[in-house]
């Protein structure tokens, strides 16, 4: 994905995968998390929202998600999360083949 110097504390970035889907990667005080990048409500990119602690807020309608668990704090819903590790200064996101197939957005009201 990239080096830890590319993602300062309190920031999030979008990472595009080969099939065009996206992940959001977050730095929360030196702890790294990854989720799918699209809000299940209307498909807005979560990286265009606001990160406050462990909560990312969708910039479109304000749905909030805990980046650790993917749990939606606004309505009973969730986003997919991914395991992240740092090795030799590089942030690495673990994606298993089934996760990769399920990344295509499925939006709903």
N, C-alpha and C. Protein backbone atom coordinates (compact mmCIF):
# COMPACT_ATOMS: atom_id res chain seq x y z
N UNK A 1 0.82 -1.18 0.00
CA UNK A 1 0.00 0.00 0.00
C UNK A 1 0.87 1.24 0.00
N UNK A 2 1.80 1.34 0.95
CA UNK A 2 2.67 2.49 1.02
C UNK A 2 3.35 2.56 2.37
N UNK A 3 4.18 3.59 2.53
CA UNK A 3 4.91 3.77 3.77
C UNK A 3 4.11 4.52 4.80
N UNK A 4 4.49 4.31 6.08
CA UNK A 4 3.77 4.99 7.16
C UNK A 4 3.92 6.50 7.07
N UNK A 5 4.99 6.97 6.44
CA UNK A 5 5.17 8.42 6.30
C UNK A 5 4.16 9.03 5.33
N UNK A 6 3.50 8.20 4.51
CA UNK A 6 2.51 8.69 3.55
C UNK A 6 1.14 8.93 4.18
N UNK A 7 0.96 8.48 5.41
CA UNK A 7 -0.35 8.57 6.06
C UNK A 7 -0.17 9.09 7.47
N UNK A 8 -0.31 10.40 7.63
CA UNK A 8 -0.09 11.04 8.93
C UNK A 8 -1.24 10.72 9.89
N UNK A 9 -1.01 10.81 11.19
CA UNK A 9 -2.08 10.55 12.17
C UNK A 9 -3.30 11.44 11.93
N UNK A 10 -4.48 10.83 12.01
CA UNK A 10 -5.73 11.56 11.79
C UNK A 10 -6.14 11.65 10.33
N UNK A 11 -5.39 11.00 9.44
CA UNK A 11 -5.67 11.07 8.01
C UNK A 11 -6.17 9.73 7.49
N UNK A 12 -6.79 9.79 6.32
CA UNK A 12 -7.19 8.58 5.62
C UNK A 12 -6.93 8.78 4.13
N UNK A 13 -6.66 7.67 3.46
CA UNK A 13 -6.41 7.73 2.02
C UNK A 13 -7.19 6.62 1.33
N UNK A 14 -7.44 6.84 0.06
CA UNK A 14 -8.10 5.85 -0.77
C UNK A 14 -7.03 5.07 -1.54
N UNK A 15 -7.23 3.76 -1.63
CA UNK A 15 -6.33 2.88 -2.37
C UNK A 15 -7.17 2.14 -3.40
N UNK A 16 -6.85 2.33 -4.68
CA UNK A 16 -7.60 1.66 -5.74
C UNK A 16 -7.00 0.28 -6.01
N UNK A 17 -7.87 -0.70 -6.12
CA UNK A 17 -7.47 -2.07 -6.41
C UNK A 17 -7.55 -2.31 -7.92
N UNK A 18 -6.91 -3.36 -8.42
CA UNK A 18 -6.88 -3.61 -9.86
C UNK A 18 -8.25 -3.68 -10.53
N UNK A 19 -9.29 -4.10 -9.81
CA UNK A 19 -10.61 -4.18 -10.43
C UNK A 19 -11.39 -2.87 -10.38
N UNK A 20 -10.76 -1.81 -9.85
CA UNK A 20 -11.40 -0.50 -9.77
C UNK A 20 -12.10 -0.24 -8.45
N UNK A 21 -12.24 -1.25 -7.60
CA UNK A 21 -12.82 -1.01 -6.27
C UNK A 21 -11.79 -0.29 -5.41
N UNK A 22 -12.24 0.20 -4.27
CA UNK A 22 -11.36 1.01 -3.43
C UNK A 22 -11.43 0.60 -1.97
N UNK A 23 -10.30 0.77 -1.30
CA UNK A 23 -10.22 0.64 0.15
C UNK A 23 -9.93 2.01 0.73
N UNK A 24 -10.36 2.20 1.97
CA UNK A 24 -9.98 3.38 2.75
C UNK A 24 -9.02 2.89 3.82
N UNK A 25 -7.88 3.58 3.95
CA UNK A 25 -6.89 3.23 4.98
C UNK A 25 -6.75 4.44 5.89
N UNK A 26 -6.80 4.18 7.21
CA UNK A 26 -6.84 5.23 8.22
C UNK A 26 -5.65 5.11 9.16
N UNK A 27 -5.15 6.25 9.63
CA UNK A 27 -4.16 6.29 10.69
C UNK A 27 -4.81 6.98 11.88
N UNK A 28 -5.08 6.20 12.92
CA UNK A 28 -5.67 6.75 14.14
C UNK A 28 -4.59 6.68 15.22
N UNK A 29 -3.88 7.80 15.39
CA UNK A 29 -2.82 7.90 16.40
C UNK A 29 -1.80 6.77 16.30
N UNK A 30 -1.37 6.48 15.08
CA UNK A 30 -0.36 5.45 14.86
C UNK A 30 -0.88 4.04 14.74
N UNK A 31 -2.19 3.85 14.87
CA UNK A 31 -2.83 2.56 14.63
C UNK A 31 -3.48 2.63 13.25
N UNK A 32 -3.31 1.59 12.44
CA UNK A 32 -3.79 1.61 11.07
C UNK A 32 -4.97 0.67 10.90
N UNK A 33 -5.97 1.13 10.15
CA UNK A 33 -7.19 0.38 9.90
C UNK A 33 -7.53 0.51 8.42
N UNK A 34 -8.30 -0.46 7.90
CA UNK A 34 -8.74 -0.41 6.51
C UNK A 34 -10.19 -0.89 6.42
N UNK A 35 -10.95 -0.21 5.59
CA UNK A 35 -12.34 -0.58 5.33
C UNK A 35 -12.60 -0.45 3.83
N UNK A 36 -13.76 -0.95 3.41
CA UNK A 36 -14.18 -0.60 2.06
C UNK A 36 -14.36 0.92 2.04
N UNK A 37 -14.27 1.53 0.88
CA UNK A 37 -14.27 3.00 0.83
C UNK A 37 -15.63 3.60 0.50
N UNK A 38 -16.65 2.80 0.28
CA UNK A 38 -17.93 3.37 -0.11
C UNK A 38 -18.98 3.18 0.97
N UNK A 39 -19.69 4.27 1.27
CA UNK A 39 -20.78 4.22 2.24
C UNK A 39 -21.92 3.40 1.65
N UNK A 40 -22.50 2.47 2.43
CA UNK A 40 -23.59 1.65 1.90
C UNK A 40 -24.88 2.41 1.64
N UNK A 41 -24.98 3.63 2.14
CA UNK A 41 -26.20 4.40 1.95
C UNK A 41 -26.37 4.86 0.51
N UNK A 42 -25.44 5.68 0.03
CA UNK A 42 -25.54 6.23 -1.32
C UNK A 42 -24.23 6.14 -2.10
N UNK A 43 -23.26 5.42 -1.57
CA UNK A 43 -22.04 5.16 -2.32
C UNK A 43 -20.97 6.23 -2.28
N UNK A 44 -21.10 7.20 -1.39
CA UNK A 44 -20.07 8.24 -1.29
C UNK A 44 -18.76 7.63 -0.79
N UNK A 45 -17.66 8.20 -1.22
CA UNK A 45 -16.34 7.76 -0.74
C UNK A 45 -16.16 8.20 0.71
N UNK A 46 -15.87 7.24 1.56
CA UNK A 46 -15.67 7.56 2.98
C UNK A 46 -14.44 8.43 3.19
N UNK A 47 -13.43 8.28 2.35
CA UNK A 47 -12.21 9.09 2.49
C UNK A 47 -12.47 10.57 2.21
N UNK A 48 -13.63 10.89 1.67
CA UNK A 48 -13.98 12.30 1.45
C UNK A 48 -14.75 12.86 2.64
N UNK A 49 -14.94 12.03 3.67
CA UNK A 49 -15.63 12.46 4.88
C UNK A 49 -14.63 12.91 5.93
N UNK A 50 -15.08 12.93 7.18
CA UNK A 50 -14.25 13.40 8.29
C UNK A 50 -13.92 12.25 9.24
N UNK A 51 -12.63 12.11 9.57
CA UNK A 51 -12.18 11.11 10.53
C UNK A 51 -11.97 11.79 11.87
N UNK A 52 -12.68 11.29 12.88
CA UNK A 52 -12.54 11.84 14.23
C UNK A 52 -12.33 10.65 15.17
N UNK A 53 -11.10 10.47 15.61
CA UNK A 53 -10.77 9.30 16.40
C UNK A 53 -10.96 8.06 15.56
N UNK A 54 -11.69 7.09 16.09
CA UNK A 54 -11.95 5.83 15.37
C UNK A 54 -13.21 5.88 14.53
N UNK A 55 -13.78 7.06 14.33
CA UNK A 55 -15.04 7.19 13.60
C UNK A 55 -14.83 7.98 12.31
N UNK A 56 -15.26 7.36 11.19
CA UNK A 56 -15.28 8.07 9.91
C UNK A 56 -16.73 8.45 9.63
N UNK A 57 -16.94 9.72 9.26
CA UNK A 57 -18.28 10.20 8.94
C UNK A 57 -18.38 10.44 7.45
N UNK A 58 -19.37 9.83 6.82
CA UNK A 58 -19.60 10.02 5.40
C UNK A 58 -19.93 11.49 5.14
N UNK A 59 -19.25 12.07 4.17
CA UNK A 59 -19.46 13.47 3.85
C UNK A 59 -20.78 13.77 3.15
N UNK A 60 -21.47 12.75 2.66
CA UNK A 60 -22.70 12.98 1.92
C UNK A 60 -23.91 13.15 2.84
N UNK A 61 -24.14 12.19 3.72
CA UNK A 61 -25.32 12.27 4.59
C UNK A 61 -25.00 12.07 6.07
N UNK A 62 -23.73 11.97 6.43
CA UNK A 62 -23.35 11.93 7.83
C UNK A 62 -23.39 10.58 8.52
N UNK A 63 -23.56 9.49 7.76
CA UNK A 63 -23.49 8.18 8.42
C UNK A 63 -22.11 8.01 9.01
N UNK A 64 -22.05 7.45 10.22
CA UNK A 64 -20.78 7.27 10.92
C UNK A 64 -20.47 5.80 11.11
N UNK A 65 -19.17 5.46 10.94
CA UNK A 65 -18.72 4.08 11.06
C UNK A 65 -17.49 4.01 11.95
N UNK A 66 -17.43 2.99 12.78
CA UNK A 66 -16.23 2.72 13.57
C UNK A 66 -15.25 1.98 12.66
N UNK A 67 -14.08 2.56 12.42
CA UNK A 67 -13.12 1.97 11.47
C UNK A 67 -12.52 0.68 12.01
N UNK A 68 -12.63 0.42 13.31
CA UNK A 68 -12.10 -0.82 13.88
C UNK A 68 -12.98 -2.02 13.57
N UNK A 69 -14.28 -1.82 13.62
CA UNK A 69 -15.23 -2.93 13.48
C UNK A 69 -16.08 -2.85 12.21
N UNK A 70 -16.17 -1.67 11.63
CA UNK A 70 -17.05 -1.47 10.48
C UNK A 70 -18.49 -1.18 10.87
N UNK A 71 -18.78 -1.22 12.17
CA UNK A 71 -20.14 -0.99 12.64
C UNK A 71 -20.60 0.43 12.33
N UNK A 72 -21.81 0.54 11.81
CA UNK A 72 -22.40 1.86 11.58
C UNK A 72 -22.99 2.35 12.89
N UNK A 73 -22.68 3.56 13.27
CA UNK A 73 -23.16 4.15 14.52
C UNK A 73 -24.44 4.94 14.31
N UNK A 74 -24.90 5.02 13.06
CA UNK A 74 -26.06 5.83 12.71
C UNK A 74 -27.31 4.98 12.53
N UNK A 75 -27.16 3.87 11.82
CA UNK A 75 -28.26 2.94 11.55
C UNK A 75 -27.71 1.52 11.70
N UNK A 76 -28.56 0.50 11.76
CA UNK A 76 -28.04 -0.87 11.87
C UNK A 76 -27.48 -1.36 10.53
N UNK A 77 -26.22 -1.11 10.30
CA UNK A 77 -25.53 -1.52 9.07
C UNK A 77 -24.05 -1.61 9.39
N UNK A 78 -23.25 -2.00 8.43
CA UNK A 78 -21.80 -2.05 8.65
C UNK A 78 -21.09 -2.03 7.31
N UNK A 79 -19.79 -1.74 7.37
CA UNK A 79 -18.92 -1.81 6.20
C UNK A 79 -17.87 -2.88 6.47
N UNK A 80 -17.30 -3.41 5.41
CA UNK A 80 -16.29 -4.45 5.52
C UNK A 80 -14.98 -3.85 6.02
N UNK A 81 -14.32 -4.56 6.91
CA UNK A 81 -13.01 -4.15 7.42
C UNK A 81 -11.96 -5.16 6.97
N UNK A 82 -10.71 -4.73 7.00
CA UNK A 82 -9.59 -5.56 6.56
C UNK A 82 -8.46 -5.48 7.56
N UNK A 83 -7.75 -6.56 7.71
CA UNK A 83 -6.61 -6.62 8.62
C UNK A 83 -5.46 -5.79 8.04
N UNK A 84 -4.83 -5.00 8.90
CA UNK A 84 -3.71 -4.15 8.49
C UNK A 84 -2.52 -4.47 9.38
N UNK A 85 -1.35 -4.49 8.79
CA UNK A 85 -0.12 -4.65 9.57
C UNK A 85 0.94 -3.72 9.00
N UNK A 86 1.89 -3.37 9.85
CA UNK A 86 3.02 -2.55 9.44
C UNK A 86 4.26 -3.41 9.52
N UNK A 87 4.98 -3.50 8.41
CA UNK A 87 6.22 -4.27 8.35
C UNK A 87 7.29 -3.41 7.70
N UNK A 88 8.37 -3.22 8.42
CA UNK A 88 9.51 -2.46 7.92
C UNK A 88 9.09 -1.09 7.36
N UNK A 89 8.18 -0.43 8.08
CA UNK A 89 7.73 0.90 7.70
C UNK A 89 6.70 0.95 6.59
N UNK A 90 6.22 -0.22 6.13
CA UNK A 90 5.20 -0.28 5.09
C UNK A 90 3.86 -0.71 5.68
N UNK A 91 2.80 -0.04 5.25
CA UNK A 91 1.45 -0.40 5.67
C UNK A 91 0.94 -1.44 4.67
N UNK A 92 0.52 -2.60 5.19
CA UNK A 92 0.05 -3.68 4.33
C UNK A 92 -1.36 -4.06 4.74
N UNK A 93 -2.24 -4.17 3.74
CA UNK A 93 -3.63 -4.55 3.98
C UNK A 93 -3.82 -5.97 3.46
N UNK A 94 -4.38 -6.82 4.30
CA UNK A 94 -4.63 -8.21 3.93
C UNK A 94 -6.00 -8.34 3.29
N UNK A 95 -6.01 -8.82 2.06
CA UNK A 95 -7.26 -9.05 1.34
C UNK A 95 -7.26 -10.49 0.87
N UNK A 96 -8.23 -11.26 1.32
CA UNK A 96 -8.34 -12.64 0.86
C UNK A 96 -9.23 -12.65 -0.38
N UNK A 97 -9.12 -13.67 -1.19
CA UNK A 97 -9.80 -13.69 -2.48
C UNK A 97 -11.30 -13.48 -2.36
N UNK A 98 -11.96 -14.03 -1.36
CA UNK A 98 -13.41 -13.83 -1.22
C UNK A 98 -13.72 -12.37 -0.92
N UNK A 99 -12.91 -11.73 -0.06
CA UNK A 99 -13.10 -10.30 0.22
C UNK A 99 -13.00 -9.50 -1.06
N UNK A 100 -12.02 -9.82 -1.88
CA UNK A 100 -11.76 -9.09 -3.10
C UNK A 100 -12.97 -9.17 -4.04
N UNK A 101 -13.60 -10.32 -4.12
CA UNK A 101 -14.77 -10.48 -4.98
C UNK A 101 -15.96 -9.71 -4.45
N UNK A 102 -16.04 -9.52 -3.14
CA UNK A 102 -17.19 -8.85 -2.54
C UNK A 102 -17.05 -7.34 -2.44
N UNK A 103 -15.99 -6.76 -3.00
CA UNK A 103 -15.76 -5.33 -2.85
C UNK A 103 -16.61 -4.47 -3.78
N UNK A 104 -17.28 -5.04 -4.74
CA UNK A 104 -18.09 -4.24 -5.64
C UNK A 104 -19.23 -3.61 -4.82
N UNK A 105 -19.43 -2.31 -4.95
CA UNK A 105 -20.43 -1.63 -4.13
C UNK A 105 -21.85 -2.17 -4.34
N UNK A 106 -22.59 -2.24 -3.25
CA UNK A 106 -23.99 -2.62 -3.27
C UNK A 106 -24.72 -1.58 -2.42
N UNK A 107 -25.22 -0.54 -3.05
CA UNK A 107 -25.79 0.60 -2.32
C UNK A 107 -27.27 0.39 -2.07
N UNK A 108 -27.75 0.98 -0.98
CA UNK A 108 -29.18 0.91 -0.68
C UNK A 108 -29.62 2.13 0.10
N UNK A 109 -30.93 2.28 0.23
CA UNK A 109 -31.49 3.42 0.98
C UNK A 109 -31.48 3.17 2.46
